[in-house]
mmCIF file of all heavy atoms, coordinates in Angstrom:
data_MODEL
# 
_entry.id   MODEL 
# 
loop_
_atom_site.group_PDB 
_atom_site.id 
_atom_site.type_symbol 
_atom_site.label_atom_id 
_atom_site.label_alt_id 
_atom_site.label_comp_id 
_atom_site.label_asym_id 
_atom_site.label_entity_id 
_atom_site.label_seq_id 
_atom_site.pdbx_PDB_ins_code 
_atom_site.Cartn_x 
_atom_site.Cartn_y 
_atom_site.Cartn_z 
_atom_site.occupancy 
_atom_site.B_iso_or_equiv 
_atom_site.pdbx_formal_charge 
_atom_site.auth_seq_id 
_atom_site.auth_comp_id 
_atom_site.auth_asym_id 
_atom_site.auth_atom_id 
_atom_site.pdbx_PDB_model_num 
ATOM 1   N N   . LEU A 1 1  ? 179.475 46.590 46.493 1.00 0.00 ? 1  LEU A N   1 
ATOM 2   C CA  . LEU A 1 1  ? 179.867 45.528 47.372 1.00 0.00 ? 1  LEU A CA  1 
ATOM 3   C C   . LEU A 1 1  ? 178.974 45.408 48.637 1.00 0.00 ? 1  LEU A C   1 
ATOM 4   O O   . LEU A 1 1  ? 178.718 44.265 49.098 1.00 0.00 ? 1  LEU A O   1 
ATOM 5   C CB  . LEU A 1 1  ? 181.214 45.849 47.875 1.00 0.00 ? 1  LEU A CB  1 
ATOM 6   C CG  . LEU A 1 1  ? 181.921 44.943 48.972 1.00 0.00 ? 1  LEU A CG  1 
ATOM 7   C CD1 . LEU A 1 1  ? 182.014 43.556 48.386 1.00 0.00 ? 1  LEU A CD1 1 
ATOM 8   C CD2 . LEU A 1 1  ? 183.281 45.497 49.312 1.00 0.00 ? 1  LEU A CD2 1 
ATOM 9   N N   . SER A 1 2  ? 178.380 46.555 49.107 1.00 0.00 ? 2  SER A N   1 
ATOM 10  C CA  . SER A 1 2  ? 177.644 46.557 50.226 1.00 0.00 ? 2  SER A CA  1 
ATOM 11  C C   . SER A 1 2  ? 176.253 45.810 49.928 1.00 0.00 ? 2  SER A C   1 
ATOM 12  O O   . SER A 1 2  ? 175.693 44.970 50.607 1.00 0.00 ? 2  SER A O   1 
ATOM 13  C CB  . SER A 1 2  ? 177.251 47.931 50.628 1.00 0.00 ? 2  SER A CB  1 
ATOM 14  O OG  . SER A 1 2  ? 176.260 47.963 51.756 1.00 0.00 ? 2  SER A OG  1 
ATOM 15  N N   . ALA A 1 3  ? 175.754 46.051 48.677 1.00 0.00 ? 3  ALA A N   1 
ATOM 16  C CA  . ALA A 1 3  ? 174.470 45.386 48.193 1.00 0.00 ? 3  ALA A CA  1 
ATOM 17  C C   . ALA A 1 3  ? 174.787 43.865 48.089 1.00 0.00 ? 3  ALA A C   1 
ATOM 18  O O   . ALA A 1 3  ? 173.996 43.077 48.379 1.00 0.00 ? 3  ALA A O   1 
ATOM 19  C CB  . ALA A 1 3  ? 173.986 46.040 46.881 1.00 0.00 ? 3  ALA A CB  1 
ATOM 20  N N   . ALA A 1 4  ? 175.977 43.556 47.545 1.00 0.00 ? 4  ALA A N   1 
ATOM 21  C CA  . ALA A 1 4  ? 176.237 42.166 47.432 1.00 0.00 ? 4  ALA A CA  1 
ATOM 22  C C   . ALA A 1 4  ? 176.387 41.498 48.733 1.00 0.00 ? 4  ALA A C   1 
ATOM 23  O O   . ALA A 1 4  ? 175.930 40.327 48.781 1.00 0.00 ? 4  ALA A O   1 
ATOM 24  C CB  . ALA A 1 4  ? 177.599 42.062 46.604 1.00 0.00 ? 4  ALA A CB  1 
ATOM 25  N N   . GLN A 1 5  ? 176.932 42.149 49.719 1.00 0.00 ? 5  GLN A N   1 
ATOM 26  C CA  . GLN A 1 5  ? 177.051 41.418 51.006 1.00 0.00 ? 5  GLN A CA  1 
ATOM 27  C C   . GLN A 1 5  ? 175.727 41.113 51.614 1.00 0.00 ? 5  GLN A C   1 
ATOM 28  O O   . GLN A 1 5  ? 175.396 40.062 52.269 1.00 0.00 ? 5  GLN A O   1 
ATOM 29  C CB  . GLN A 1 5  ? 177.813 42.285 51.993 1.00 0.00 ? 5  GLN A CB  1 
ATOM 30  C CG  . GLN A 1 5  ? 179.380 42.328 51.615 1.00 0.00 ? 5  GLN A CG  1 
ATOM 31  C CD  . GLN A 1 5  ? 180.189 43.297 52.423 1.00 0.00 ? 5  GLN A CD  1 
ATOM 32  O OE1 . GLN A 1 5  ? 179.490 44.268 53.026 1.00 0.00 ? 5  GLN A OE1 1 
ATOM 33  N NE2 . GLN A 1 5  ? 181.452 43.179 52.600 1.00 0.00 ? 5  GLN A NE2 1 
ATOM 34  N N   . ILE A 1 6  ? 174.727 42.088 51.429 1.00 0.00 ? 6  ILE A N   1 
ATOM 35  C CA  . ILE A 1 6  ? 173.356 41.894 51.915 1.00 0.00 ? 6  ILE A CA  1 
ATOM 36  C C   . ILE A 1 6  ? 172.721 40.782 51.089 1.00 0.00 ? 6  ILE A C   1 
ATOM 37  O O   . ILE A 1 6  ? 172.097 39.892 51.632 1.00 0.00 ? 6  ILE A O   1 
ATOM 38  C CB  . ILE A 1 6  ? 172.525 43.159 51.786 1.00 0.00 ? 6  ILE A CB  1 
ATOM 39  C CG1 . ILE A 1 6  ? 173.110 44.257 52.692 1.00 0.00 ? 6  ILE A CG1 1 
ATOM 40  C CG2 . ILE A 1 6  ? 171.118 43.025 51.877 1.00 0.00 ? 6  ILE A CG2 1 
ATOM 41  C CD1 . ILE A 1 6  ? 172.498 45.665 52.533 1.00 0.00 ? 6  ILE A CD1 1 
ATOM 42  N N   . TYR A 1 7  ? 172.894 40.788 49.823 1.00 0.00 ? 7  TYR A N   1 
ATOM 43  C CA  . TYR A 1 7  ? 172.362 39.731 48.916 1.00 0.00 ? 7  TYR A CA  1 
ATOM 44  C C   . TYR A 1 7  ? 172.749 38.381 49.363 1.00 0.00 ? 7  TYR A C   1 
ATOM 45  O O   . TYR A 1 7  ? 171.941 37.421 49.510 1.00 0.00 ? 7  TYR A O   1 
ATOM 46  C CB  . TYR A 1 7  ? 172.671 40.007 47.498 1.00 0.00 ? 7  TYR A CB  1 
ATOM 47  C CG  . TYR A 1 7  ? 172.131 38.937 46.496 1.00 0.00 ? 7  TYR A CG  1 
ATOM 48  C CD1 . TYR A 1 7  ? 170.808 38.771 46.185 1.00 0.00 ? 7  TYR A CD1 1 
ATOM 49  C CD2 . TYR A 1 7  ? 173.088 38.031 45.961 1.00 0.00 ? 7  TYR A CD2 1 
ATOM 50  C CE1 . TYR A 1 7  ? 170.375 37.773 45.384 1.00 0.00 ? 7  TYR A CE1 1 
ATOM 51  C CE2 . TYR A 1 7  ? 172.681 37.022 45.109 1.00 0.00 ? 7  TYR A CE2 1 
ATOM 52  C CZ  . TYR A 1 7  ? 171.253 36.949 44.817 1.00 0.00 ? 7  TYR A CZ  1 
ATOM 53  O OH  . TYR A 1 7  ? 170.877 35.995 43.911 1.00 0.00 ? 7  TYR A OH  1 
ATOM 54  N N   . TYR A 1 8  ? 174.091 38.166 49.476 1.00 0.00 ? 8  TYR A N   1 
ATOM 55  C CA  . TYR A 1 8  ? 174.605 36.897 49.889 1.00 0.00 ? 8  TYR A CA  1 
ATOM 56  C C   . TYR A 1 8  ? 174.383 36.548 51.281 1.00 0.00 ? 8  TYR A C   1 
ATOM 57  O O   . TYR A 1 8  ? 174.584 35.376 51.702 1.00 0.00 ? 8  TYR A O   1 
ATOM 58  C CB  . TYR A 1 8  ? 176.146 36.790 49.490 1.00 0.00 ? 8  TYR A CB  1 
ATOM 59  C CG  . TYR A 1 8  ? 176.295 36.553 48.044 1.00 0.00 ? 8  TYR A CG  1 
ATOM 60  C CD1 . TYR A 1 8  ? 176.812 37.497 47.229 1.00 0.00 ? 8  TYR A CD1 1 
ATOM 61  C CD2 . TYR A 1 8  ? 176.183 35.284 47.364 1.00 0.00 ? 8  TYR A CD2 1 
ATOM 62  C CE1 . TYR A 1 8  ? 177.008 37.458 45.872 1.00 0.00 ? 8  TYR A CE1 1 
ATOM 63  C CE2 . TYR A 1 8  ? 176.351 35.071 46.100 1.00 0.00 ? 8  TYR A CE2 1 
ATOM 64  C CZ  . TYR A 1 8  ? 176.755 36.196 45.382 1.00 0.00 ? 8  TYR A CZ  1 
ATOM 65  O OH  . TYR A 1 8  ? 177.026 36.008 43.950 1.00 0.00 ? 8  TYR A OH  1 
ATOM 66  N N   . GLY A 1 9  ? 174.011 37.459 52.000 1.00 0.00 ? 9  GLY A N   1 
ATOM 67  C CA  . GLY A 1 9  ? 173.588 37.115 53.401 1.00 0.00 ? 9  GLY A CA  1 
ATOM 68  C C   . GLY A 1 9  ? 172.186 36.642 53.539 1.00 0.00 ? 9  GLY A C   1 
ATOM 69  O O   . GLY A 1 9  ? 171.587 36.326 54.643 1.00 0.00 ? 9  GLY A O   1 
ATOM 70  N N   . GLY A 1 10 ? 171.445 36.525 52.414 1.00 0.00 ? 10 GLY A N   1 
ATOM 71  C CA  . GLY A 1 10 ? 170.081 36.011 52.417 1.00 0.00 ? 10 GLY A CA  1 
ATOM 72  C C   . GLY A 1 10 ? 169.029 37.125 52.438 1.00 0.00 ? 10 GLY A C   1 
ATOM 73  O O   . GLY A 1 10 ? 167.824 36.880 52.562 1.00 0.00 ? 10 GLY A O   1 
ATOM 74  N N   . LYS A 1 11 ? 169.488 38.438 52.574 1.00 0.00 ? 11 LYS A N   1 
ATOM 75  C CA  . LYS A 1 11 ? 168.424 39.496 52.601 1.00 0.00 ? 11 LYS A CA  1 
ATOM 76  C C   . LYS A 1 11 ? 168.820 40.511 51.366 1.00 0.00 ? 11 LYS A C   1 
ATOM 77  O O   . LYS A 1 11 ? 169.647 41.178 51.466 1.00 0.00 ? 11 LYS A O   1 
ATOM 78  C CB  . LYS A 1 11 ? 168.746 40.254 53.949 1.00 0.00 ? 11 LYS A CB  1 
ATOM 79  C CG  . LYS A 1 11 ? 168.449 39.440 55.137 1.00 0.00 ? 11 LYS A CG  1 
ATOM 80  C CD  . LYS A 1 11 ? 168.717 40.294 56.359 1.00 0.00 ? 11 LYS A CD  1 
ATOM 81  C CE  . LYS A 1 11 ? 168.511 39.489 57.723 1.00 0.00 ? 11 LYS A CE  1 
ATOM 82  N NZ  . LYS A 1 11 ? 168.837 40.199 58.898 1.00 0.00 ? 11 LYS A NZ  1 
ATOM 83  N N   . LEU A 1 12 ? 167.936 40.239 50.452 1.00 0.00 ? 12 LEU A N   1 
ATOM 84  C CA  . LEU A 1 12 ? 168.118 41.129 49.243 1.00 0.00 ? 12 LEU A CA  1 
ATOM 85  C C   . LEU A 1 12 ? 167.494 42.481 49.451 1.00 0.00 ? 12 LEU A C   1 
ATOM 86  O O   . LEU A 1 12 ? 166.240 42.637 49.311 1.00 0.00 ? 12 LEU A O   1 
ATOM 87  C CB  . LEU A 1 12 ? 167.417 40.362 48.029 1.00 0.00 ? 12 LEU A CB  1 
ATOM 88  C CG  . LEU A 1 12 ? 167.643 41.118 46.671 1.00 0.00 ? 12 LEU A CG  1 
ATOM 89  C CD1 . LEU A 1 12 ? 169.129 41.257 46.348 1.00 0.00 ? 12 LEU A CD1 1 
ATOM 90  C CD2 . LEU A 1 12 ? 167.033 40.350 45.540 1.00 0.00 ? 12 LEU A CD2 1 
ATOM 91  N N   . LYS A 1 13 ? 168.253 43.382 49.821 1.00 0.00 ? 13 LYS A N   1 
ATOM 92  C CA  . LYS A 1 13 ? 167.822 44.808 50.129 1.00 0.00 ? 13 LYS A CA  1 
ATOM 93  C C   . LYS A 1 13 ? 168.699 45.692 49.290 1.00 0.00 ? 13 LYS A C   1 
ATOM 94  O O   . LYS A 1 13 ? 169.836 45.900 49.587 1.00 0.00 ? 13 LYS A O   1 
ATOM 95  C CB  . LYS A 1 13 ? 167.816 45.009 51.613 1.00 0.00 ? 13 LYS A CB  1 
ATOM 96  C CG  . LYS A 1 13 ? 167.236 46.454 51.954 1.00 0.00 ? 13 LYS A CG  1 
ATOM 97  C CD  . LYS A 1 13 ? 167.425 46.706 53.502 1.00 0.00 ? 13 LYS A CD  1 
ATOM 98  C CE  . LYS A 1 13 ? 166.855 45.705 54.258 1.00 0.00 ? 13 LYS A CE  1 
ATOM 99  N NZ  . LYS A 1 13 ? 167.027 46.079 55.823 1.00 0.00 ? 13 LYS A NZ  1 
ATOM 100 N N   . TRP A 1 14 ? 168.100 46.320 48.234 1.00 0.00 ? 14 TRP A N   1 
ATOM 101 C CA  . TRP A 1 14 ? 169.002 47.122 47.370 1.00 0.00 ? 14 TRP A CA  1 
ATOM 102 C C   . TRP A 1 14 ? 169.234 48.476 48.096 1.00 0.00 ? 14 TRP A C   1 
ATOM 103 O O   . TRP A 1 14 ? 168.483 49.156 48.676 1.00 0.00 ? 14 TRP A O   1 
ATOM 104 C CB  . TRP A 1 14 ? 168.190 47.433 46.107 1.00 0.00 ? 14 TRP A CB  1 
ATOM 105 C CG  . TRP A 1 14 ? 167.880 46.131 45.304 1.00 0.00 ? 14 TRP A CG  1 
ATOM 106 C CD1 . TRP A 1 14 ? 166.774 45.367 45.313 1.00 0.00 ? 14 TRP A CD1 1 
ATOM 107 C CD2 . TRP A 1 14 ? 168.877 45.497 44.569 1.00 0.00 ? 14 TRP A CD2 1 
ATOM 108 N NE1 . TRP A 1 14 ? 166.938 44.243 44.511 1.00 0.00 ? 14 TRP A NE1 1 
ATOM 109 C CE2 . TRP A 1 14 ? 168.296 44.394 44.093 1.00 0.00 ? 14 TRP A CE2 1 
ATOM 110 C CE3 . TRP A 1 14 ? 170.168 45.786 44.156 1.00 0.00 ? 14 TRP A CE3 1 
ATOM 111 C CZ2 . TRP A 1 14 ? 168.888 43.346 43.261 1.00 0.00 ? 14 TRP A CZ2 1 
ATOM 112 C CZ3 . TRP A 1 14 ? 170.825 44.835 43.288 1.00 0.00 ? 14 TRP A CZ3 1 
ATOM 113 C CH2 . TRP A 1 14 ? 170.130 43.673 42.833 1.00 0.00 ? 14 TRP A CH2 1 
ATOM 114 N N   . GLN A 1 15 ? 170.509 48.813 47.921 1.00 0.00 ? 15 GLN A N   1 
ATOM 115 C CA  . GLN A 1 15 ? 170.946 50.117 48.416 1.00 0.00 ? 15 GLN A CA  1 
ATOM 116 C C   . GLN A 1 15 ? 170.583 51.192 47.390 1.00 0.00 ? 15 GLN A C   1 
ATOM 117 O O   . GLN A 1 15 ? 170.461 50.915 46.219 1.00 0.00 ? 15 GLN A O   1 
ATOM 118 C CB  . GLN A 1 15 ? 172.532 50.070 48.632 1.00 0.00 ? 15 GLN A CB  1 
ATOM 119 C CG  . GLN A 1 15 ? 172.986 48.970 49.514 1.00 0.00 ? 15 GLN A CG  1 
ATOM 120 C CD  . GLN A 1 15 ? 172.614 49.277 50.963 1.00 0.00 ? 15 GLN A CD  1 
ATOM 121 O OE1 . GLN A 1 15 ? 172.648 50.353 51.424 1.00 0.00 ? 15 GLN A OE1 1 
ATOM 122 N NE2 . GLN A 1 15 ? 172.126 48.203 51.542 1.00 0.00 ? 15 GLN A NE2 1 
ATOM 123 N N   . GLN A 1 16 ? 170.502 52.483 47.882 1.00 0.00 ? 16 GLN A N   1 
ATOM 124 C CA  . GLN A 1 16 ? 170.284 53.562 47.002 1.00 0.00 ? 16 GLN A CA  1 
ATOM 125 C C   . GLN A 1 16 ? 171.392 53.888 46.063 1.00 0.00 ? 16 GLN A C   1 
ATOM 126 O O   . GLN A 1 16 ? 172.619 53.590 46.350 1.00 0.00 ? 16 GLN A O   1 
ATOM 127 C CB  . GLN A 1 16 ? 170.002 54.803 47.775 1.00 0.00 ? 16 GLN A CB  1 
ATOM 128 C CG  . GLN A 1 16 ? 168.674 54.707 48.590 1.00 0.00 ? 16 GLN A CG  1 
ATOM 129 C CD  . GLN A 1 16 ? 168.452 56.002 49.326 1.00 0.00 ? 16 GLN A CD  1 
ATOM 130 O OE1 . GLN A 1 16 ? 169.365 56.888 49.505 1.00 0.00 ? 16 GLN A OE1 1 
ATOM 131 N NE2 . GLN A 1 16 ? 167.241 56.147 49.951 1.00 0.00 ? 16 GLN A NE2 1 
ATOM 132 N N   . ASN A 1 17 ? 171.147 54.369 44.896 1.00 0.00 ? 17 ASN A N   1 
ATOM 133 C CA  . ASN A 1 17 ? 172.238 54.771 43.834 1.00 0.00 ? 17 ASN A CA  1 
ATOM 134 C C   . ASN A 1 17 ? 172.978 53.620 43.388 1.00 0.00 ? 17 ASN A C   1 
ATOM 135 O O   . ASN A 1 17 ? 174.099 53.811 42.911 1.00 0.00 ? 17 ASN A O   1 
ATOM 136 C CB  . ASN A 1 17 ? 173.112 55.874 44.457 1.00 0.00 ? 17 ASN A CB  1 
ATOM 137 C CG  . ASN A 1 17 ? 172.412 57.046 44.907 1.00 0.00 ? 17 ASN A CG  1 
ATOM 138 O OD1 . ASN A 1 17 ? 171.402 57.398 44.321 1.00 0.00 ? 17 ASN A OD1 1 
ATOM 139 N ND2 . ASN A 1 17 ? 172.871 57.616 46.085 1.00 0.00 ? 17 ASN A ND2 1 
ATOM 140 N N   . VAL A 1 18 ? 172.399 52.413 43.372 1.00 0.00 ? 18 VAL A N   1 
ATOM 141 C CA  . VAL A 1 18 ? 173.078 51.123 42.864 1.00 0.00 ? 18 VAL A CA  1 
ATOM 142 C C   . VAL A 1 18 ? 172.221 50.732 41.626 1.00 0.00 ? 18 VAL A C   1 
ATOM 143 O O   . VAL A 1 18 ? 171.229 50.099 41.770 1.00 0.00 ? 18 VAL A O   1 
ATOM 144 C CB  . VAL A 1 18 ? 173.209 50.094 43.810 1.00 0.00 ? 18 VAL A CB  1 
ATOM 145 C CG1 . VAL A 1 18 ? 173.933 48.904 43.215 1.00 0.00 ? 18 VAL A CG1 1 
ATOM 146 C CG2 . VAL A 1 18 ? 174.018 50.523 45.047 1.00 0.00 ? 18 VAL A CG2 1 
ATOM 147 N N   . SER A 1 19 ? 172.682 51.160 40.386 1.00 0.00 ? 19 SER A N   1 
ATOM 148 C CA  . SER A 1 19 ? 171.936 50.902 39.219 1.00 0.00 ? 19 SER A CA  1 
ATOM 149 C C   . SER A 1 19 ? 172.641 49.736 38.568 1.00 0.00 ? 19 SER A C   1 
ATOM 150 O O   . SER A 1 19 ? 173.464 49.923 37.685 1.00 0.00 ? 19 SER A O   1 
ATOM 151 C CB  . SER A 1 19 ? 171.858 52.049 38.389 1.00 0.00 ? 19 SER A CB  1 
ATOM 152 O OG  . SER A 1 19 ? 173.173 52.591 38.047 1.00 0.00 ? 19 SER A OG  1 
ATOM 153 N N   . VAL A 1 20 ? 172.300 48.541 38.986 1.00 0.00 ? 20 VAL A N   1 
ATOM 154 C CA  . VAL A 1 20 ? 172.904 47.354 38.414 1.00 0.00 ? 20 VAL A CA  1 
ATOM 155 C C   . VAL A 1 20 ? 171.949 46.198 38.469 1.00 0.00 ? 20 VAL A C   1 
ATOM 156 O O   . VAL A 1 20 ? 171.138 46.098 39.404 1.00 0.00 ? 20 VAL A O   1 
ATOM 157 C CB  . VAL A 1 20 ? 174.195 47.011 39.244 1.00 0.00 ? 20 VAL A CB  1 
ATOM 158 C CG1 . VAL A 1 20 ? 173.918 46.629 40.623 1.00 0.00 ? 20 VAL A CG1 1 
ATOM 159 C CG2 . VAL A 1 20 ? 174.943 45.782 38.535 1.00 0.00 ? 20 VAL A CG2 1 
ATOM 160 N N   . SER A 1 21 ? 171.873 45.322 37.423 1.00 0.00 ? 21 SER A N   1 
ATOM 161 C CA  . SER A 1 21 ? 170.917 44.253 37.387 1.00 0.00 ? 21 SER A CA  1 
ATOM 162 C C   . SER A 1 21 ? 171.335 43.157 38.278 1.00 0.00 ? 21 SER A C   1 
ATOM 163 O O   . SER A 1 21 ? 172.425 43.156 38.788 1.00 0.00 ? 21 SER A O   1 
ATOM 164 C CB  . SER A 1 21 ? 170.784 43.635 35.974 1.00 0.00 ? 21 SER A CB  1 
ATOM 165 O OG  . SER A 1 21 ? 172.115 43.197 35.595 1.00 0.00 ? 21 SER A OG  1 
ATOM 166 N N   . LYS A 1 22 ? 170.306 42.304 38.563 1.00 0.00 ? 22 LYS A N   1 
ATOM 167 C CA  . LYS A 1 22 ? 170.619 41.135 39.500 1.00 0.00 ? 22 LYS A CA  1 
ATOM 168 C C   . LYS A 1 22 ? 171.728 40.233 38.944 1.00 0.00 ? 22 LYS A C   1 
ATOM 169 O O   . LYS A 1 22 ? 172.610 39.822 39.675 1.00 0.00 ? 22 LYS A O   1 
ATOM 170 C CB  . LYS A 1 22 ? 169.355 40.325 39.684 1.00 0.00 ? 22 LYS A CB  1 
ATOM 171 C CG  . LYS A 1 22 ? 169.476 39.271 40.736 1.00 0.00 ? 22 LYS A CG  1 
ATOM 172 C CD  . LYS A 1 22 ? 168.139 38.595 40.933 1.00 0.00 ? 22 LYS A CD  1 
ATOM 173 C CE  . LYS A 1 22 ? 168.233 37.421 41.968 1.00 0.00 ? 22 LYS A CE  1 
ATOM 174 N NZ  . LYS A 1 22 ? 166.911 36.734 42.224 1.00 0.00 ? 22 LYS A NZ  1 
ATOM 175 N N   . SER A 1 23 ? 171.653 39.995 37.638 1.00 0.00 ? 23 SER A N   1 
ATOM 176 C CA  . SER A 1 23 ? 172.776 39.167 36.982 1.00 0.00 ? 23 SER A CA  1 
ATOM 177 C C   . SER A 1 23 ? 174.127 39.980 36.997 1.00 0.00 ? 23 SER A C   1 
ATOM 178 O O   . SER A 1 23 ? 175.235 39.279 37.363 1.00 0.00 ? 23 SER A O   1 
ATOM 179 C CB  . SER A 1 23 ? 172.411 38.809 35.618 1.00 0.00 ? 23 SER A CB  1 
ATOM 180 O OG  . SER A 1 23 ? 172.254 40.044 34.827 1.00 0.00 ? 23 SER A OG  1 
ATOM 181 N N   . GLY A 1 24 ? 174.075 41.269 36.839 1.00 0.00 ? 24 GLY A N   1 
ATOM 182 C CA  . GLY A 1 24 ? 175.242 42.042 36.915 1.00 0.00 ? 24 GLY A CA  1 
ATOM 183 C C   . GLY A 1 24 ? 175.842 42.055 38.366 1.00 0.00 ? 24 GLY A C   1 
ATOM 184 O O   . GLY A 1 24 ? 177.022 42.007 38.544 1.00 0.00 ? 24 GLY A O   1 
ATOM 185 N N   . LEU A 1 25 ? 174.933 42.071 39.428 1.00 0.00 ? 25 LEU A N   1 
ATOM 186 C CA  . LEU A 1 25 ? 175.366 41.996 40.677 1.00 0.00 ? 25 LEU A CA  1 
ATOM 187 C C   . LEU A 1 25 ? 176.083 40.740 41.029 1.00 0.00 ? 25 LEU A C   1 
ATOM 188 O O   . LEU A 1 25 ? 177.091 40.606 41.628 1.00 0.00 ? 25 LEU A O   1 
ATOM 189 C CB  . LEU A 1 25 ? 174.174 42.130 41.686 1.00 0.00 ? 25 LEU A CB  1 
ATOM 190 C CG  . LEU A 1 25 ? 174.424 42.023 43.136 1.00 0.00 ? 25 LEU A CG  1 
ATOM 191 C CD1 . LEU A 1 25 ? 175.313 43.032 43.613 1.00 0.00 ? 25 LEU A CD1 1 
ATOM 192 C CD2 . LEU A 1 25 ? 173.053 42.049 43.898 1.00 0.00 ? 25 LEU A CD2 1 
# 
């Protein structure tokens, strides 16, 4: 959820320990 909030905020910055593809996100 934290990574998703960053992604939808326009800043794609992956969090540590999040092993999920972009489409999966």
